[in-house]
Amino acid sequence: MSMAEYKGKVKNIQDTPFGYTLSLIGGKWKMVIIYLLAEDQPIRFNELKRQIGTITYKTLSSQLKELEADGLVKRKEYPQVPPKVEYSLTDKAGTLLPILEELCEWGVKNQNN
């Protein structure tokens, strides 16, 4: 499906496939988290926080919970002391990676223009 099929028919963007996609990956941090998990997984919470830098613990935690609820991130908890939790991408999130690669390529082509 293309955006052209929805021309003149969209009353609410959330009702379109584009709106659905944005609801899963929209916002300031979700694509960053997916990108970093694609580069290095599984990864622990504190390492992910270090790689992102400016995100707060609370925001990272809530974003990971949302991504997990949407089926894009897997959380694996190990029964040990201190607790160990690792995050990785699901197969569903893996289908987003070619799109993220295209965004990177667009950035390479247009960054200095």
Protein backbone atom coordinates (compact mmCIF):
# COMPACT_ATOMS: atom_id res chain seq x y z
CA MET A 1 0.00 0.00 0.00
CA SER A 2 1.13 3.49 -0.72
CA MET A 3 0.22 6.87 0.69
CA ALA A 4 -1.58 7.67 -2.58
CA GLU A 5 -4.28 5.12 -1.74
CA TYR A 6 -5.24 7.19 1.29
CA LYS A 7 -5.36 10.58 -0.43
CA GLY A 8 -8.56 12.37 0.57
CA LYS A 9 -9.70 9.46 2.74
CA VAL A 10 -7.68 10.08 5.90
CA LYS A 11 -9.69 11.47 8.76
CA ASN A 12 -7.26 10.32 11.43
CA ILE A 13 -3.61 9.49 10.73
CA GLN A 14 -3.68 6.74 13.38
CA ASP A 15 -6.10 4.81 11.18
CA THR A 16 -3.49 4.34 8.46
CA PRO A 17 -0.56 1.92 8.23
CA PHE A 18 1.74 4.96 8.47
CA GLY A 19 0.05 6.01 11.71
CA TYR A 20 0.40 2.51 13.11
CA THR A 21 4.11 2.46 12.26
CA LEU A 22 4.62 5.86 13.87
CA SER A 23 2.83 4.70 17.00
CA LEU A 24 5.43 1.94 17.34
CA ILE A 25 8.64 3.80 16.48
CA GLY A 26 7.72 7.47 16.78
CA GLY A 27 9.16 9.82 19.35
CA LYS A 28 12.64 10.89 20.23
CA TRP A 29 14.16 7.61 21.46
CA LYS A 30 12.54 4.49 20.02
CA MET A 31 14.41 4.43 16.70
CA VAL A 32 17.65 5.21 18.55
CA ILE A 33 17.06 2.24 20.87
CA ILE A 34 16.21 -0.07 17.95
CA TYR A 35 19.26 1.12 16.04
CA LEU A 36 21.60 0.47 19.00
CA LEU A 37 20.07 -2.94 19.69
CA ALA A 38 20.58 -3.84 16.03
CA GLU A 39 24.26 -2.92 16.36
CA ASP A 40 24.92 -4.78 19.62
CA GLN A 41 22.55 -7.32 21.11
CA PRO A 42 21.81 -8.60 23.58
CA ILE A 43 22.63 -5.53 25.63
CA ARG A 44 22.14 -4.65 29.27
CA PHE A 45 20.18 -1.63 30.43
CA ASN A 46 23.15 0.37 31.76
CA GLU A 47 25.20 -0.22 28.62
CA LEU A 48 22.30 0.96 26.47
CA LYS A 49 22.01 4.04 28.71
CA ARG A 50 25.74 4.74 28.31
CA GLN A 51 25.55 4.47 24.54
CA ILE A 52 22.58 6.84 24.30
CA GLY A 53 23.97 9.27 26.85
CA THR A 54 21.40 12.01 27.30
CA ILE A 55 18.35 9.84 28.02
CA THR A 56 17.17 9.55 31.63
CA TYR A 57 16.85 6.18 33.34
CA LYS A 58 13.09 6.68 33.69
CA THR A 59 12.64 7.53 30.01
CA LEU A 60 14.79 4.62 28.83
CA SER A 61 12.87 2.26 31.07
CA SER A 62 9.48 3.46 29.82
CA GLN A 63 10.58 3.36 26.16
CA LEU A 64 11.89 -0.20 26.55
CA LYS A 65 8.61 -1.23 28.20
CA GLU A 66 6.62 0.26 25.33
CA LEU A 67 8.83 -1.42 22.73
CA GLU A 68 8.44 -4.72 24.58
CA ALA A 69 4.66 -4.32 24.78
CA ASP A 70 4.56 -3.63 21.04
CA GLY A 71 6.54 -6.80 20.32
CA LEU A 72 9.71 -5.10 19.09
CA VAL A 73 12.05 -5.78 22.02
CA LYS A 74 12.64 -8.93 24.08
CA ARG A 75 13.56 -8.63 27.73
CA LYS A 76 15.41 -11.56 29.30
CA GLU A 77 15.82 -11.59 33.06
CA TYR A 78 18.35 -13.86 34.74
CA PRO A 79 17.57 -15.12 38.26
CA GLN A 80 20.71 -13.97 40.03
CA VAL A 81 21.92 -11.37 42.51
CA PRO A 82 22.44 -8.66 41.46
CA PRO A 83 19.68 -8.89 38.86
CA LYS A 84 20.78 -9.18 35.26
CA VAL A 85 18.49 -8.14 32.42
CA GLU A 86 19.32 -8.15 28.72
CA TYR A 87 17.43 -6.62 25.83
CA SER A 88 17.38 -7.71 22.20
CA LEU A 89 15.26 -7.21 19.11
CA THR A 90 12.43 -9.50 18.12
CA ASP A 91 11.96 -10.85 14.61
CA LYS A 92 9.23 -8.24 14.14
CA ALA A 93 11.74 -5.47 14.88
CA GLY A 94 14.18 -7.10 12.48
CA THR A 95 11.78 -6.31 9.65
CA LEU A 96 12.25 -2.60 10.47
CA LEU A 97 16.03 -2.72 10.03
CA PRO A 98 16.02 -2.31 6.22
CA ILE A 99 13.90 0.83 6.71
CA LEU A 100 16.38 2.20 9.26
CA GLU A 101 19.20 1.44 6.82
CA GLU A 102 17.37 3.45 4.15
CA LEU A 103 17.07 6.36 6.60
CA CYS A 104 20.82 6.15 7.23
CA GLU A 105 21.51 6.17 3.50
CA TRP A 106 19.25 9.19 3.07
CA GLY A 107 21.24 10.92 5.82
CA VAL A 108 24.54 10.14 4.11
CA LYS A 109 23.27 11.59 0.82
CA ASN A 110 21.68 14.70 2.33
CA GLN A 111 23.64 15.58 5.46
CA ASN A 112 26.01 18.05 3.81
CA ASN A 113 23.64 19.48 1.21
